[in-house]
C-alpha atoms as a PDB file:
ATOM      1  CA  MET A   1      -0.045  -0.006  -0.033  1.00  0.00           C
ATOM      2  CA  ALA A   2       1.077   3.571  -0.579  1.00  0.00           C
ATOM      3  CA  GLU A   3       2.027   5.511   2.492  1.00  0.00           C
ATOM      4  CA  PRO A   4       2.060   9.303   1.820  1.00  0.00           C
ATOM      5  CA  LEU A   5      -0.770  11.258   3.207  1.00  0.00           C
ATOM      6  CA  ILE A   6      -1.714  13.008  -0.022  1.00  0.00           C
ATOM      7  CA  GLN A   7      -1.509   9.896  -2.217  1.00  0.00           C
ATOM      8  CA  LEU A   8      -4.147   8.128  -0.095  1.00  0.00           C
ATOM      9  CA  GLY A   9      -6.675  10.895  -0.634  1.00  0.00           C
ATOM     10  CA  LEU A  10      -6.817  12.271   2.937  1.00  0.00           C
ATOM     11  CA  SER A  11      -6.175  15.902   1.833  1.00  0.00           C
ATOM     12  CA  GLY A  12      -9.044  18.232   1.457  1.00  0.00           C
ATOM     13  CA  ALA A  13     -12.446  18.012   3.123  1.00  0.00           C
ATOM     14  CA  ALA A  14     -13.678  15.224   5.220  1.00  0.00           C
ATOM     15  CA  GLY A  15     -16.870  15.274   3.147  1.00  0.00           C
ATOM     16  CA  GLY A  16     -19.347  17.398   1.306  1.00  0.00           C
ATOM     17  CA  GLU A  17     -17.962  20.612  -0.116  1.00  0.00           C
ATOM     18  CA  GLY A  18     -15.735  21.230   2.997  1.00  0.00           C
ATOM     19  CA  GLY A  19     -12.045  21.944   2.722  1.00  0.00           C
ATOM     20  CA  THR A  20     -10.365  25.304   3.340  1.00  0.00           C
ATOM     21  CA  PRO A  21     -13.095  28.018   3.072  1.00  0.00           C
ATOM     22  CA  ASP A  22     -13.199  30.335   0.053  1.00  0.00           C
ATOM     23  CA  VAL A  23     -11.757  33.475   1.543  1.00  0.00           C
ATOM     24  CA  SER A  24     -11.414  36.141  -1.102  1.00  0.00           C
ATOM     25  CA  GLY A  25      -9.423  38.599   1.036  1.00  0.00           C
ATOM     26  CA  ALA A  26      -9.295  40.975   3.985  1.00  0.00           C
ATOM     27  CA  TYR A  27     -12.051  43.151   2.458  1.00  0.00           C
ATOM     28  CA  ARG A  28     -14.576  40.409   2.458  1.00  0.00           C
ATOM     29  CA  ASP A  29     -13.669  39.562   6.080  1.00  0.00           C
ATOM     30  CA  ASP A  30     -14.056  43.166   7.076  1.00  0.00           C
ATOM     31  CA  LEU A  31     -17.549  43.288   5.602  1.00  0.00           C
ATOM     32  CA  LEU A  32     -18.450  40.053   7.401  1.00  0.00           C
ATOM     33  CA  LEU A  33     -17.041  41.246  10.693  1.00  0.00           C
ATOM     34  CA  ALA A  34     -19.019  44.531  10.413  1.00  0.00           C
ATOM     35  CA  GLY A  35     -22.240  42.574   9.776  1.00  0.00           C
ATOM     36  CA  LEU A  36     -21.551  40.241  12.714  1.00  0.00           C
ATOM     37  CA  ARG A  37     -20.898  43.152  15.039  1.00  0.00           C
ATOM     38  CA  ALA A  38     -24.147  44.747  13.899  1.00  0.00           C
ATOM     39  CA  CYS A  39     -25.995  41.432  14.608  1.00  0.00           C
ATOM     40  CA  ASN A  40     -26.927  41.173  10.896  1.00  0.00           C
ATOM     41  CA  GLU A  41     -28.665  37.850  10.225  1.00  0.00           C
ATOM     42  CA  ALA A  42     -27.254  37.533   6.734  1.00  0.00           C
ATOM     43  CA  ALA A  43     -23.689  37.940   8.156  1.00  0.00           C
ATOM     44  CA  TYR A  44     -24.371  35.019  10.621  1.00  0.00           C
ATOM     45  CA  GLU A  45     -25.574  32.853   7.724  1.00  0.00           C
ATOM     46  CA  GLU A  46     -22.492  33.694   5.681  1.00  0.00           C
ATOM     47  CA  LEU A  47     -20.218  32.876   8.587  1.00  0.00           C
ATOM     48  CA  ILE A  48     -21.796  29.473   8.998  1.00  0.00           C
ATOM     49  CA  SER A  49     -21.799  28.837   5.240  1.00  0.00           C
ATOM     50  CA  ARG A  50     -18.102  29.569   4.899  1.00  0.00           C
ATOM     51  CA  PHE A  51     -16.757  28.024   8.054  1.00  0.00           C
ATOM     52  CA  GLN A  52     -19.035  25.352   9.488  1.00  0.00           C
ATOM     53  CA  GLN A  53     -17.772  22.427   7.397  1.00  0.00           C
ATOM     54  CA  PRO A  54     -14.020  23.281   7.480  1.00  0.00           C
ATOM     55  CA  VAL A  55     -14.259  23.741  11.259  1.00  0.00           C
ATOM     56  CA  TYR A  56     -16.006  20.397  11.552  1.00  0.00           C
ATOM     57  CA  ASN A  57     -13.298  18.714   9.386  1.00  0.00           C
ATOM     58  CA  VAL A  58     -10.592  19.907  11.768  1.00  0.00           C
ATOM     59  CA  VAL A  59     -12.449  19.030  14.949  1.00  0.00           C
ATOM     60  CA  TYR A  60     -13.638  15.695  13.798  1.00  0.00           C
ATOM     61  CA  ARG A  61     -10.136  14.529  12.864  1.00  0.00           C
ATOM     62  CA  MET A  62      -8.823  15.687  16.264  1.00  0.00           C
ATOM     63  CA  LEU A  63     -11.544  13.944  18.183  1.00  0.00           C
ATOM     64  CA  ASN A  64     -12.504  11.084  15.868  1.00  0.00           C
ATOM     65  CA  ASP A  65     -16.030  11.102  17.068  1.00  0.00           C
ATOM     66  CA  PRO A  66     -18.860  12.695  15.067  1.00  0.00           C
ATOM     67  CA  ASN A  67     -21.120  13.438  18.012  1.00  0.00           C
ATOM     68  CA  ASP A  68     -18.278  15.121  19.986  1.00  0.00           C
ATOM     69  CA  ALA A  69     -17.292  16.957  16.883  1.00  0.00           C
ATOM     70  CA  ASN A  70     -20.718  18.404  16.311  1.00  0.00           C
ATOM     71  CA  ASP A  71     -20.946  19.503  20.027  1.00  0.00           C
ATOM     72  CA  VAL A  72     -17.623  21.184  19.736  1.00  0.00           C
ATOM     73  CA  VAL A  73     -18.514  22.970  16.462  1.00  0.00           C
ATOM     74  CA  GLN A  74     -21.614  24.471  18.127  1.00  0.00           C
ATOM     75  CA  GLU A  75     -19.382  25.741  21.012  1.00  0.00           C
ATOM     76  CA  VAL A  76     -16.897  27.153  18.531  1.00  0.00           C
ATOM     77  CA  PHE A  77     -19.485  29.277  16.791  1.00  0.00           C
ATOM     78  CA  PHE A  78     -21.040  30.329  20.084  1.00  0.00           C
ATOM     79  CA  LYS A  79     -17.652  31.663  21.151  1.00  0.00           C
ATOM     80  CA  VAL A  80     -17.101  33.331  17.726  1.00  0.00           C
ATOM     81  CA  PHE A  81     -20.410  35.189  18.075  1.00  0.00           C
ATOM     82  CA  ARG A  82     -19.717  36.095  21.615  1.00  0.00           C
ATOM     83  CA  ARG A  83     -16.194  37.299  21.050  1.00  0.00           C
ATOM     84  CA  VAL A  84     -16.418  38.886  17.659  1.00  0.00           C
ATOM     85  CA  GLY A  85     -16.774  42.363  19.131  1.00  0.00           C
ATOM     86  CA  SER A  86     -13.279  42.038  20.741  1.00  0.00           C
ATOM     87  CA  PHE A  87     -11.586  40.579  17.683  1.00  0.00           C
ATOM     88  CA  ARG A  88      -8.820  43.007  16.859  1.00  0.00           C
ATOM     89  CA  GLY A  89      -7.748  41.667  13.467  1.00  0.00           C
ATOM     90  CA  GLU A  90      -4.215  40.760  14.450  1.00  0.00           C
ATOM     91  CA  SER A  91      -4.678  37.595  12.445  1.00  0.00           C
ATOM     92  CA  SER A  92      -7.053  36.647   9.644  1.00  0.00           C
ATOM     93  CA  LEU A  93     -10.660  35.777  10.496  1.00  0.00           C
ATOM     94  CA  LYS A  94      -9.985  32.229   9.318  1.00  0.00           C
ATOM     95  CA  THR A  95      -6.967  31.797  11.557  1.00  0.00           C
ATOM     96  CA  TRP A  96      -8.849  33.221  14.551  1.00  0.00           C
ATOM     97  CA  ILE A  97     -11.743  30.826  14.066  1.00  0.00           C
ATOM     98  CA  TYR A  98      -9.426  27.789  13.586  1.00  0.00           C
ATOM     99  CA  ARG A  99      -7.536  28.755  16.761  1.00  0.00           C
ATOM    100  CA  ILE A 100     -10.827  28.670  18.726  1.00  0.00           C
ATOM    101  CA  ALA A 101     -11.711  25.303  17.071  1.00  0.00           C
ATOM    102  CA  VAL A 102      -8.378  23.728  17.901  1.00  0.00           C
ATOM    103  CA  ASN A 103      -8.561  24.994  21.539  1.00  0.00           C
ATOM    104  CA  GLU A 104     -12.092  23.681  21.993  1.00  0.00           C
ATOM    105  CA  ALA A 105     -11.143  20.267  20.525  1.00  0.00           C
ATOM    106  CA  CYS A 106      -8.180  20.061  22.882  1.00  0.00           C
ATOM    107  CA  ASN A 107     -10.383  21.043  25.791  1.00  0.00           C
ATOM    108  CA  ARG A 108     -12.935  18.380  24.954  1.00  0.00           C
ATOM    109  CA  ARG A 109     -10.290  15.719  24.646  1.00  0.00           C
ATOM    110  CA  ARG A 110      -8.684  16.699  27.931  1.00  0.00           C
ATOM    111  CA  TYR A 111     -12.081  16.573  29.598  1.00  0.00           C
ATOM    112  CA  PHE A 112     -12.744  13.028  28.485  1.00  0.00           C
ATOM    113  CA  GLN A 113      -9.229  11.879  29.330  1.00  0.00           C
ATOM    114  CA  ARG A 114      -9.728  13.105  32.891  1.00  0.00           C
ATOM    115  CA  HIS A 115     -12.959  11.311  33.190  1.00  0.00           C
ATOM    116  CA  LEU A 116     -11.579   8.069  31.663  1.00  0.00           C
ATOM    117  CA  ARG A 117     -14.209   8.126  28.971  1.00  0.00           C
ATOM    118  CA  GLN A 118     -14.373   4.628  27.431  1.00  0.00           C
ATOM    119  CA  GLU A 119     -17.120   3.975  24.981  1.00  0.00           C
ATOM    120  CA  VAL A 120     -17.595   2.588  21.466  1.00  0.00           C
ATOM    121  CA  ASP A 121     -20.054   4.368  19.240  1.00  0.00           C
ATOM    122  CA  LEU A 122     -21.858   1.698  17.266  1.00  0.00           C
ATOM    123  CA  GLU A 123     -23.909   4.209  15.431  1.00  0.00           C
ATOM    124  CA  ARG A 124     -21.171   5.924  13.500  1.00  0.00           C
ATOM    125  CA  THR A 125     -22.401   4.521  10.172  1.00  0.00           C
ATOM    126  CA  ALA A 126     -25.815   6.122  10.613  1.00  0.00           C
ATOM    127  CA  GLY A 127     -26.926   9.312   8.827  1.00  0.00           C
ATOM    128  CA  THR A 128     -25.233  11.084   5.976  1.00  0.00           C
ATOM    129  CA  GLY A 129     -22.056   9.037   6.037  1.00  0.00           C
ATOM    130  CA  TRP A 130     -19.584   8.083   3.292  1.00  0.00           C
ATOM    131  CA  THR A 131     -21.055   5.098   1.561  1.00  0.00           C
ATOM    132  CA  LEU A 132     -19.362   2.580  -0.669  1.00  0.00           C
ATOM    133  CA  GLU A 133     -21.915   3.175  -3.366  1.00  0.00           C
ATOM    134  CA  ASP A 134     -20.985   6.836  -3.505  1.00  0.00           C
ATOM    135  CA  THR A 135     -17.342   6.061  -3.763  1.00  0.00           C
ATOM    136  CA  LEU A 136     -17.758   3.538  -6.564  1.00  0.00           C
ATOM    137  CA  ALA A 137     -19.570   6.118  -8.635  1.00  0.00           C
ATOM    138  CA  THR A 138     -16.843   8.721  -8.403  1.00  0.00           C
ATOM    139  CA  ASP A 139     -14.732   7.891 -11.552  1.00  0.00           C
ATOM    140  CA  ASP A 140     -13.710   5.212 -14.078  1.00  0.00           C
ATOM    141  CA  ARG A 141     -11.703   3.055 -11.791  1.00  0.00           C
ATOM    142  CA  SER A 142     -12.596  -0.632 -11.441  1.00  0.00           C
ATOM    143  CA  PRO A 143     -14.626  -1.723  -8.408  1.00  0.00           C
ATOM    144  CA  TYR A 144     -11.519  -3.506  -7.071  1.00  0.00           C
ATOM    145  CA  ASP A 145      -9.523  -0.277  -7.254  1.00  0.00           C
ATOM    146  CA  GLU A 146     -12.344   1.632  -5.595  1.00  0.00           C
ATOM    147  CA  VAL A 147     -12.625  -0.844  -2.717  1.00  0.00           C
ATOM    148  CA  LEU A 148      -8.904  -0.822  -2.228  1.00  0.00           C
ATOM    149  CA  GLY A 149      -8.786   2.962  -2.254  1.00  0.00           C
ATOM    150  CA  LEU A 150     -11.629   3.171   0.256  1.00  0.00           C
ATOM    151  CA  GLU A 151      -9.863   0.667   2.468  1.00  0.00           C
ATOM    152  CA  GLN A 152      -6.599   2.634   2.312  1.00  0.00           C
ATOM    153  CA  HIS A 153      -8.429   5.884   3.096  1.00  0.00           C
ATOM    154  CA  LEU A 154     -10.192   4.498   6.142  1.00  0.00           C
ATOM    155  CA  LEU A 155      -7.058   2.796   7.339  1.00  0.00           C
ATOM    156  CA  LEU A 156      -5.225   6.183   7.130  1.00  0.00           C
ATOM    157  CA  GLU A 157      -8.014   7.902   9.003  1.00  0.00           C
ATOM    158  CA  GLN A 158      -7.633   5.247  11.740  1.00  0.00           C
ATOM    159  CA  ALA A 159      -3.853   5.767  11.762  1.00  0.00           C
ATOM    160  CA  LEU A 160      -4.335   9.507  12.117  1.00  0.00           C
ATOM    161  CA  ALA A 161      -6.576   8.991  15.048  1.00  0.00           C
ATOM    162  CA  GLY A 162      -3.928   6.821  16.661  1.00  0.00           C
ATOM    163  CA  ILE A 163      -0.999   9.234  16.728  1.00  0.00           C
ATOM    164  CA  ASN A 164      -0.144  11.824  19.370  1.00  0.00           C
ATOM    165  CA  PRO A 165      -2.858  14.538  19.389  1.00  0.00           C
ATOM    166  CA  ILE A 166      -0.139  17.347  19.314  1.00  0.00           C
ATOM    167  CA  TYR A 167       1.164  15.965  16.049  1.00  0.00           C
ATOM    168  CA  ARG A 168      -2.305  15.260  14.759  1.00  0.00           C
ATOM    169  CA  ALA A 169      -3.457  18.808  15.041  1.00  0.00           C
ATOM    170  CA  ALA A 170      -0.459  20.091  13.079  1.00  0.00           C
ATOM    171  CA  LEU A 171      -0.859  17.423  10.391  1.00  0.00           C
ATOM    172  CA  VAL A 172      -4.584  18.126   9.986  1.00  0.00           C
ATOM    173  CA  LEU A 173      -4.029  21.848   9.651  1.00  0.00           C
ATOM    174  CA  ARG A 174      -1.095  21.372   7.164  1.00  0.00           C
ATOM    175  CA  GLU A 175      -1.969  18.306   5.106  1.00  0.00           C
ATOM    176  CA  ILE A 176      -5.766  18.433   5.077  1.00  0.00           C
ATOM    177  CA  GLU A 177      -6.706  22.145   5.524  1.00  0.00           C
ATOM    178  CA  GLU A 178      -3.504  23.087   3.540  1.00  0.00           C
ATOM    179  CA  LEU A 179      -2.680  26.018   5.815  1.00  0.00           C
ATOM    180  CA  SER A 180       0.753  27.672   5.696  1.00  0.00           C
ATOM    181  CA  TYR A 181       3.349  27.093   8.453  1.00  0.00           C
ATOM    182  CA  GLU A 182       2.799  30.627   9.538  1.00  0.00           C
ATOM    183  CA  GLU A 183      -0.986  30.237   9.831  1.00  0.00           C
ATOM    184  CA  ILE A 184      -0.521  26.988  11.803  1.00  0.00           C
ATOM    185  CA  ALA A 185       1.901  28.634  14.194  1.00  0.00           C
ATOM    186  CA  ASP A 186      -0.623  31.519  14.731  1.00  0.00           C
ATOM    187  CA  ILE A 187      -3.444  28.980  15.402  1.00  0.00           C
ATOM    188  CA  LEU A 188      -1.490  26.708  17.719  1.00  0.00           C
ATOM    189  CA  GLN A 189       0.272  29.709  19.348  1.00  0.00           C
ATOM    190  CA  VAL A 190       3.739  28.088  18.939  1.00  0.00           C
ATOM    191  CA  ALA A 191       6.943  29.031  17.187  1.00  0.00           C
ATOM    192  CA  LEU A 192       7.378  28.334  13.475  1.00  0.00           C
ATOM    193  CA  GLY A 193      10.176  25.907  14.187  1.00  0.00           C
ATOM    194  CA  THR A 194       7.946  23.955  16.582  1.00  0.00           C
ATOM    195  CA  VAL A 195       5.282  23.682  13.847  1.00  0.00           C
ATOM    196  CA  LYS A 196       7.738  22.271  11.313  1.00  0.00           C
ATOM    197  CA  SER A 197       9.137  19.838  13.943  1.00  0.00           C
ATOM    198  CA  ARG A 198       5.606  18.673  14.896  1.00  0.00           C
ATOM    199  CA  ILE A 199       4.698  18.105  11.221  1.00  0.00           C
ATOM    200  CA  LEU A 200       7.880  16.162  10.444  1.00  0.00           C
ATOM    201  CA  ARG A 201       7.434  13.985  13.522  1.00  0.00           C
ATOM    202  CA  GLY A 202       3.796  13.638  12.913  1.00  0.00           C
ATOM    203  CA  ARG A 203       4.356  12.346   9.365  1.00  0.00           C
ATOM    204  CA  GLU A 204       6.770   9.739  10.660  1.00  0.00           C
ATOM    205  CA  ALA A 205       4.411   8.706  13.455  1.00  0.00           C
ATOM    206  CA  LEU A 206       1.559   8.497  10.949  1.00  0.00           C
ATOM    207  CA  ARG A 207       3.702   6.386   8.563  1.00  0.00           C
ATOM    208  CA  LEU A 208       4.570   3.903  11.308  1.00  0.00           C
ATOM    209  CA  GLU A 209       1.018   3.667  12.600  1.00  0.00           C
ATOM    210  CA  TYR A 210      -0.254   3.110   9.077  1.00  0.00           C
ATOM    211  CA  LEU A 211       2.244   0.331   8.417  1.00  0.00           C
ATOM    212  CA  ARG A 212       1.373  -1.233  11.843  1.00  0.00           C
ATOM    213  CA  LEU A 213      -2.317  -1.243  11.024  1.00  0.00           C
ATOM    214  CA  SER A 214      -1.722  -2.484   7.489  1.00  0.00           C
ATOM    215  CA  ALA A 215       0.186  -5.498   8.879  1.00  0.00           C
ATOM    216  CA  GLU A 216      -2.664  -6.766  11.077  1.00  0.00           C
ATOM    217  CA  PRO A 217      -6.304  -7.569  10.320  1.00  0.00           C
ATOM    218  CA  THR A 218      -8.505  -4.755  11.403  1.00  0.00           C
ATOM    219  CA  SER A 219     -12.144  -3.796  11.364  1.00  0.00           C
ATOM    220  CA  VAL A 220     -12.280  -0.338   9.954  1.00  0.00           C
ATOM    221  CA  GLU A 221     -15.551   1.466  10.378  1.00  0.00           C
ATOM    222  CA  LEU A 222     -17.165   3.935   7.988  1.00  0.00           C
ATOM    223  CA  SER A 223     -17.664   7.294   9.763  1.00  0.00           C
ATOM    224  CA  PRO A 224     -19.804  10.286   9.041  1.00  0.00           C
ATOM    225  CA  GLN A 225     -17.851  13.115   7.557  1.00  0.00           C
ATOM    226  CA  THR A 226     -20.325  15.933   7.215  1.00  0.00           C
ATOM    227  CA  ALA A 227     -21.300  18.507   9.881  1.00  0.00           C
ATOM    228  CA  GLU A 228     -24.932  18.444  10.886  1.00  0.00           C
END
């Protein structure tokens, strides 16, 4: 099996249109911020339209649980709405929102670690998940190639969930959301060199975890990839 993150199709959105939001520049952000501060309903709708799915993609891959991810996404936008008046524009709007998302995901993970949360969600395949039929209809590859690609993708998702959360956050922001090193440093509030180190170590950890999982029989679940 191929190992690199990009080759296995993990880059980009976890589902739906997703991916990095279409941000056309600081002027558009300024207009959106003005609308949010004026409690304009259309501005709230634009904020959700632009950022809900990308935020969900980041949070889901940090927590690996769709129910927790949806809860955290709601909390993220609650904090965005509550704090928008104090946003000083020292970073881009996207970076600021992603920073809140990463912090909230880390807080949720720490909370469950403290409470020794141990449960298996048997309902992950319910709802608007990624189905085999959808995948087989994507292009002209043979059914065998499609099934193999799906298996590799899911195995890589499982490997990503198994590495150190510190490395996982950096990898998700770089390899999946395709943010710059500078943006990631701003979001994670660490030095640029630290970001590069985490990404390098994370790639190696992901490679080793992927190879470990590939060498043993596993039961890989299909998981929902779209924010509710």
